Amino acid sequence: MEEFPKHNEALQFVFSTEEFVVKTQCQLAKDFGQFHLMFPDNFTTQAFSKAEITSLIEENIAKLLEEGETRLLQLLYTIDLSEKTFLALTLTPNFLNLISNKILEREAYKVYLKSIFSN
């Protein structure tokens, strides 16, 4: 599983700051934009709640799934979420919510790593 336990506490802390949330949303918009999936106009400038972000990711994943599983796998590759994680979640009844949370977690982790290595 792609958990990041040694950084999980730090990740939770930084996700509580508005600046970090907006940077994470920008990362999401960038990666999803490559697949012509969009977020609201103010998504890259105003911090949304975790529940709102997850819901928007779910909506985009549902749209992408209409195009086929291959497109979703391409997005997951772009985000750097493994096919193994995807397959483990496919049999769960709340797949969209779980995969959306994993995507948000991974994108936030990427932003977190960038902030550490840019200093």
N, C-alpha and C. Protein backbone atom coordinates (compact mmCIF):
# COMPACT_ATOMS: atom_id res chain seq x y z
N MET A 1 0.84 -1.18 0.00
CA MET A 1 0.00 0.00 0.00
C MET A 1 0.89 1.24 0.00
N GLU A 2 0.44 2.29 -0.60
CA GLU A 2 1.28 3.47 -0.74
C GLU A 2 1.03 4.49 0.36
N GLU A 3 1.12 4.03 1.58
CA GLU A 3 1.02 4.94 2.72
C GLU A 3 2.41 5.50 2.96
N PHE A 4 2.46 6.63 3.57
CA PHE A 4 3.73 7.26 3.85
C PHE A 4 3.81 7.50 5.35
N PRO A 5 3.92 6.40 6.13
CA PRO A 5 3.77 6.49 7.58
C PRO A 5 4.74 7.43 8.27
N LYS A 6 5.98 7.47 7.85
CA LYS A 6 6.91 8.31 8.60
C LYS A 6 6.67 9.80 8.35
N HIS A 7 5.95 10.12 7.29
CA HIS A 7 5.64 11.51 7.00
C HIS A 7 4.17 11.83 7.24
N ASN A 8 3.37 10.83 7.62
CA ASN A 8 1.93 11.02 7.72
C ASN A 8 1.56 12.14 8.68
N GLU A 9 2.20 12.20 9.83
CA GLU A 9 1.88 13.24 10.81
C GLU A 9 2.23 14.63 10.27
N ALA A 10 3.38 14.75 9.66
CA ALA A 10 3.78 16.02 9.07
C ALA A 10 2.84 16.41 7.94
N LEU A 11 2.44 15.43 7.15
CA LEU A 11 1.54 15.68 6.04
C LEU A 11 0.19 16.19 6.55
N GLN A 12 -0.31 15.59 7.62
CA GLN A 12 -1.56 16.05 8.21
C GLN A 12 -1.44 17.49 8.69
N PHE A 13 -0.30 17.82 9.28
CA PHE A 13 -0.09 19.17 9.78
C PHE A 13 -0.08 20.19 8.64
N VAL A 14 0.71 19.92 7.61
CA VAL A 14 0.81 20.90 6.52
C VAL A 14 -0.49 21.00 5.74
N PHE A 15 -1.27 19.91 5.69
CA PHE A 15 -2.55 19.98 4.98
C PHE A 15 -3.53 20.87 5.72
N SER A 16 -3.24 21.19 6.95
CA SER A 16 -4.13 22.08 7.70
C SER A 16 -3.87 23.55 7.35
N THR A 17 -2.83 23.84 6.61
CA THR A 17 -2.57 25.23 6.22
C THR A 17 -3.20 25.51 4.86
N GLU A 18 -3.79 26.68 4.74
CA GLU A 18 -4.47 27.05 3.51
C GLU A 18 -3.52 27.06 2.30
N GLU A 19 -2.31 27.53 2.50
CA GLU A 19 -1.34 27.60 1.41
C GLU A 19 -1.05 26.21 0.85
N PHE A 20 -0.86 25.24 1.74
CA PHE A 20 -0.57 23.88 1.30
C PHE A 20 -1.77 23.28 0.57
N VAL A 21 -2.97 23.53 1.07
CA VAL A 21 -4.18 23.01 0.43
C VAL A 21 -4.29 23.55 -0.99
N VAL A 22 -4.07 24.84 -1.16
CA VAL A 22 -4.15 25.44 -2.50
C VAL A 22 -3.08 24.85 -3.42
N LYS A 23 -1.89 24.65 -2.92
CA LYS A 23 -0.83 24.04 -3.74
C LYS A 23 -1.22 22.62 -4.15
N THR A 24 -1.84 21.89 -3.24
CA THR A 24 -2.30 20.53 -3.55
C THR A 24 -3.40 20.59 -4.60
N GLN A 25 -4.30 21.53 -4.46
CA GLN A 25 -5.36 21.68 -5.45
C GLN A 25 -4.79 22.04 -6.82
N CYS A 26 -3.75 22.87 -6.84
CA CYS A 26 -3.09 23.20 -8.11
C CYS A 26 -2.47 21.96 -8.74
N GLN A 27 -1.88 21.11 -7.92
CA GLN A 27 -1.29 19.86 -8.42
C GLN A 27 -2.38 18.96 -9.00
N LEU A 28 -3.51 18.88 -8.31
CA LEU A 28 -4.63 18.09 -8.81
C LEU A 28 -5.12 18.65 -10.15
N ALA A 29 -5.29 19.97 -10.21
CA ALA A 29 -5.79 20.60 -11.44
C ALA A 29 -4.83 20.34 -12.60
N LYS A 30 -3.54 20.39 -12.32
CA LYS A 30 -2.54 20.15 -13.36
C LYS A 30 -2.63 18.72 -13.89
N ASP A 31 -2.62 17.75 -12.98
CA ASP A 31 -2.63 16.35 -13.40
C ASP A 31 -3.96 15.96 -14.06
N PHE A 32 -5.08 16.40 -13.49
CA PHE A 32 -6.38 16.07 -14.07
C PHE A 32 -6.59 16.81 -15.39
N GLY A 33 -6.03 18.02 -15.50
CA GLY A 33 -6.17 18.81 -16.71
C GLY A 33 -5.59 18.11 -17.94
N GLN A 34 -4.58 17.30 -17.73
CA GLN A 34 -3.99 16.54 -18.84
C GLN A 34 -5.00 15.58 -19.46
N PHE A 35 -6.06 15.28 -18.72
CA PHE A 35 -7.10 14.36 -19.18
C PHE A 35 -8.41 15.10 -19.46
N HIS A 36 -8.29 16.43 -19.58
CA HIS A 36 -9.43 17.30 -19.87
C HIS A 36 -10.51 17.21 -18.80
N LEU A 37 -10.07 16.99 -17.56
CA LEU A 37 -10.97 16.98 -16.41
C LEU A 37 -10.75 18.28 -15.64
N MET A 38 -11.82 18.95 -15.33
CA MET A 38 -11.71 20.28 -14.75
C MET A 38 -12.29 20.36 -13.34
N PHE A 39 -11.82 21.35 -12.64
CA PHE A 39 -12.31 21.69 -11.32
C PHE A 39 -12.93 23.09 -11.42
N PRO A 40 -13.62 23.56 -10.38
CA PRO A 40 -14.21 24.90 -10.43
C PRO A 40 -13.14 25.97 -10.69
N ASP A 41 -13.57 27.10 -11.22
CA ASP A 41 -12.65 28.19 -11.57
C ASP A 41 -11.77 28.64 -10.41
N ASN A 42 -12.32 28.68 -9.20
CA ASN A 42 -11.56 29.16 -8.04
C ASN A 42 -10.76 28.06 -7.34
N PHE A 43 -10.68 26.88 -7.95
CA PHE A 43 -10.01 25.74 -7.33
C PHE A 43 -8.52 25.96 -7.10
N THR A 44 -7.89 26.73 -7.95
CA THR A 44 -6.45 26.94 -7.81
C THR A 44 -6.11 28.21 -7.02
N THR A 45 -7.12 28.88 -6.51
CA THR A 45 -6.87 30.11 -5.75
C THR A 45 -7.48 30.14 -4.37
N GLN A 46 -8.46 29.28 -4.12
CA GLN A 46 -9.16 29.28 -2.84
C GLN A 46 -9.15 27.88 -2.24
N ALA A 47 -8.80 27.78 -0.97
CA ALA A 47 -8.73 26.47 -0.32
C ALA A 47 -10.13 25.89 -0.12
N PHE A 48 -10.28 24.64 -0.52
CA PHE A 48 -11.52 23.90 -0.32
C PHE A 48 -11.32 22.97 0.87
N SER A 49 -12.42 22.48 1.43
CA SER A 49 -12.30 21.50 2.52
C SER A 49 -11.90 20.15 1.92
N LYS A 50 -11.37 19.29 2.75
CA LYS A 50 -10.96 17.96 2.29
C LYS A 50 -12.16 17.22 1.70
N ALA A 51 -13.31 17.35 2.32
CA ALA A 51 -14.53 16.68 1.82
C ALA A 51 -14.92 17.22 0.44
N GLU A 52 -14.80 18.53 0.25
CA GLU A 52 -15.13 19.13 -1.05
C GLU A 52 -14.15 18.65 -2.13
N ILE A 53 -12.88 18.63 -1.78
CA ILE A 53 -11.86 18.18 -2.74
C ILE A 53 -12.11 16.74 -3.14
N THR A 54 -12.35 15.90 -2.15
CA THR A 54 -12.59 14.48 -2.41
C THR A 54 -13.82 14.30 -3.30
N SER A 55 -14.86 15.04 -3.02
CA SER A 55 -16.08 14.96 -3.82
C SER A 55 -15.83 15.36 -5.27
N LEU A 56 -15.04 16.42 -5.47
CA LEU A 56 -14.71 16.86 -6.84
C LEU A 56 -13.85 15.82 -7.56
N ILE A 57 -12.94 15.21 -6.83
CA ILE A 57 -12.12 14.14 -7.43
C ILE A 57 -13.04 12.98 -7.84
N GLU A 58 -13.97 12.61 -6.96
CA GLU A 58 -14.91 11.52 -7.26
C GLU A 58 -15.68 11.80 -8.55
N GLU A 59 -16.17 13.03 -8.69
CA GLU A 59 -16.92 13.40 -9.89
C GLU A 59 -16.06 13.24 -11.14
N ASN A 60 -14.82 13.69 -11.06
CA ASN A 60 -13.92 13.57 -12.20
C ASN A 60 -13.56 12.12 -12.51
N ILE A 61 -13.38 11.32 -11.47
CA ILE A 61 -13.08 9.90 -11.68
C ILE A 61 -14.27 9.21 -12.35
N ALA A 62 -15.47 9.54 -11.91
CA ALA A 62 -16.67 8.95 -12.52
C ALA A 62 -16.75 9.31 -14.00
N LYS A 63 -16.43 10.57 -14.35
CA LYS A 63 -16.42 10.99 -15.76
C LYS A 63 -15.36 10.20 -16.53
N LEU A 64 -14.21 10.05 -15.94
CA LEU A 64 -13.11 9.35 -16.61
C LEU A 64 -13.45 7.88 -16.82
N LEU A 65 -14.12 7.28 -15.86
CA LEU A 65 -14.49 5.87 -15.98
C LEU A 65 -15.47 5.64 -17.13
N GLU A 66 -16.24 6.66 -17.48
CA GLU A 66 -17.15 6.54 -18.63
C GLU A 66 -16.36 6.31 -19.91
N GLU A 67 -15.11 6.79 -19.94
CA GLU A 67 -14.25 6.61 -21.10
C GLU A 67 -13.53 5.26 -21.07
N GLY A 68 -13.58 4.60 -19.94
CA GLY A 68 -12.96 3.28 -19.83
C GLY A 68 -11.89 3.25 -18.75
N GLU A 69 -11.63 2.05 -18.28
CA GLU A 69 -10.66 1.81 -17.21
C GLU A 69 -9.25 2.23 -17.61
N THR A 70 -8.93 2.09 -18.88
CA THR A 70 -7.58 2.43 -19.35
C THR A 70 -7.27 3.89 -19.09
N ARG A 71 -8.23 4.78 -19.32
CA ARG A 71 -8.02 6.21 -19.08
C ARG A 71 -7.76 6.47 -17.61
N LEU A 72 -8.48 5.78 -16.75
CA LEU A 72 -8.26 5.95 -15.31
C LEU A 72 -6.86 5.47 -14.94
N LEU A 73 -6.45 4.34 -15.48
CA LEU A 73 -5.11 3.83 -15.19
C LEU A 73 -4.04 4.81 -15.68
N GLN A 74 -4.28 5.47 -16.80
CA GLN A 74 -3.33 6.48 -17.29
C GLN A 74 -3.24 7.64 -16.31
N LEU A 75 -4.38 8.08 -15.78
CA LEU A 75 -4.37 9.15 -14.78
C LEU A 75 -3.62 8.71 -13.53
N LEU A 76 -3.89 7.51 -13.07
CA LEU A 76 -3.22 7.00 -11.87
C LEU A 76 -1.72 6.91 -12.08
N TYR A 77 -1.30 6.56 -13.29
CA TYR A 77 0.12 6.53 -13.61
C TYR A 77 0.71 7.94 -13.53
N THR A 78 -0.01 8.91 -14.07
CA THR A 78 0.42 10.31 -14.01
C THR A 78 0.56 10.78 -12.57
N ILE A 79 -0.38 10.39 -11.74
CA ILE A 79 -0.38 10.79 -10.33
C ILE A 79 0.64 9.99 -9.54
N ASP A 80 1.05 8.84 -10.08
CA ASP A 80 2.00 7.94 -9.43
C ASP A 80 1.32 7.11 -8.34
N LEU A 81 0.15 6.63 -8.66
CA LEU A 81 -0.58 5.72 -7.78
C LEU A 81 -0.59 4.37 -8.49
N SER A 82 -0.20 3.34 -7.80
CA SER A 82 0.03 2.05 -8.45
C SER A 82 -1.25 1.34 -8.90
N GLU A 83 -1.06 0.51 -9.90
CA GLU A 83 -2.16 -0.33 -10.37
C GLU A 83 -2.57 -1.30 -9.27
N LYS A 84 -1.62 -1.70 -8.46
CA LYS A 84 -1.91 -2.60 -7.33
C LYS A 84 -2.91 -1.95 -6.37
N THR A 85 -2.72 -0.68 -6.08
CA THR A 85 -3.65 0.05 -5.21
C THR A 85 -5.02 0.10 -5.87
N PHE A 86 -5.03 0.43 -7.16
CA PHE A 86 -6.28 0.49 -7.91
C PHE A 86 -7.02 -0.84 -7.83
N LEU A 87 -6.32 -1.93 -8.12
CA LEU A 87 -6.95 -3.25 -8.14
C LEU A 87 -7.47 -3.65 -6.75
N ALA A 88 -6.74 -3.28 -5.72
CA ALA A 88 -7.18 -3.60 -4.36
C ALA A 88 -8.48 -2.89 -4.00
N LEU A 89 -8.68 -1.73 -4.59
CA LEU A 89 -9.88 -0.94 -4.26
C LEU A 89 -11.07 -1.24 -5.16
N THR A 90 -10.84 -1.88 -6.30
CA THR A 90 -11.93 -2.08 -7.26
C THR A 90 -13.07 -2.94 -6.72
N LEU A 91 -12.78 -3.80 -5.79
CA LEU A 91 -13.81 -4.69 -5.26
C LEU A 91 -14.56 -4.11 -4.07
N THR A 92 -14.19 -2.92 -3.65
CA THR A 92 -14.85 -2.31 -2.50
C THR A 92 -16.10 -1.55 -2.95
N PRO A 93 -17.14 -1.57 -2.12
CA PRO A 93 -18.39 -0.89 -2.50
C PRO A 93 -18.24 0.64 -2.60
N ASN A 94 -17.33 1.20 -1.86
CA ASN A 94 -17.14 2.66 -1.89
C ASN A 94 -15.85 3.02 -2.65
N PHE A 95 -15.68 2.37 -3.80
CA PHE A 95 -14.48 2.53 -4.62
C PHE A 95 -14.16 3.99 -4.91
N LEU A 96 -15.14 4.75 -5.39
CA LEU A 96 -14.87 6.14 -5.80
C LEU A 96 -14.33 6.97 -4.64
N ASN A 97 -14.92 6.80 -3.48
CA ASN A 97 -14.45 7.55 -2.32
C ASN A 97 -13.05 7.14 -1.92
N LEU A 98 -12.79 5.86 -1.89
CA LEU A 98 -11.47 5.37 -1.48
C LEU A 98 -10.38 5.77 -2.46
N ILE A 99 -10.63 5.64 -3.76
CA ILE A 99 -9.60 6.00 -4.74
C ILE A 99 -9.40 7.50 -4.74
N SER A 100 -10.45 8.26 -4.52
CA SER A 100 -10.34 9.72 -4.45
C SER A 100 -9.48 10.14 -3.27
N ASN A 101 -9.65 9.49 -2.15
CA ASN A 101 -8.82 9.78 -0.98
C ASN A 101 -7.36 9.42 -1.22
N LYS A 102 -7.13 8.29 -1.88
CA LYS A 102 -5.75 7.88 -2.20
C LYS A 102 -5.10 8.88 -3.16
N ILE A 103 -5.87 9.35 -4.13
CA ILE A 103 -5.35 10.34 -5.07
C ILE A 103 -5.01 11.63 -4.34
N LEU A 104 -5.90 12.09 -3.49
CA LEU A 104 -5.65 13.32 -2.73
C LEU A 104 -4.42 13.15 -1.84
N GLU A 105 -4.30 12.02 -1.19
CA GLU A 105 -3.16 11.73 -0.33
C GLU A 105 -1.85 11.76 -1.12
N ARG A 106 -1.87 11.14 -2.29
CA ARG A 106 -0.66 11.09 -3.11
C ARG A 106 -0.27 12.46 -3.64
N GLU A 107 -1.25 13.23 -4.10
CA GLU A 107 -0.97 14.57 -4.62
C GLU A 107 -0.46 15.47 -3.50
N ALA A 108 -1.04 15.36 -2.32
CA ALA A 108 -0.57 16.15 -1.18
C ALA A 108 0.86 15.75 -0.82
N TYR A 109 1.15 14.47 -0.90
CA TYR A 109 2.50 14.00 -0.59
C TYR A 109 3.51 14.57 -1.59
N LYS A 110 3.13 14.63 -2.86
CA LYS A 110 4.02 15.21 -3.88
C LYS A 110 4.32 16.68 -3.57
N VAL A 111 3.29 17.41 -3.17
CA VAL A 111 3.47 18.83 -2.81
C VAL A 111 4.36 18.93 -1.57
N TYR A 112 4.13 18.06 -0.62
CA TYR A 112 4.93 18.02 0.61
C TYR A 112 6.41 17.77 0.29
N LEU A 113 6.67 16.79 -0.56
CA LEU A 113 8.06 16.49 -0.93
C LEU A 113 8.71 17.67 -1.65
N LYS A 114 7.97 18.31 -2.54
CA LYS A 114 8.50 19.48 -3.24
C LYS A 114 8.87 20.58 -2.25
N SER A 115 8.04 20.77 -1.22
CA SER A 115 8.33 21.82 -0.24
C SER A 115 9.58 21.49 0.58
N ILE A 116 9.80 20.21 0.85
CA ILE A 116 10.99 19.81 1.61
C ILE A 116 12.25 19.96 0.78
N PHE A 117 12.20 19.50 -0.47
CA PHE A 117 13.40 19.49 -1.30
C PHE A 117 13.68 20.82 -1.99
N SER A 118 12.76 21.75 -1.94
CA SER A 118 13.01 23.05 -2.54
C SER A 118 13.68 24.00 -1.56
N ASN A 119 13.74 23.60 -0.29
CA ASN A 119 14.38 24.46 0.72
C ASN A 119 15.81 24.07 0.98
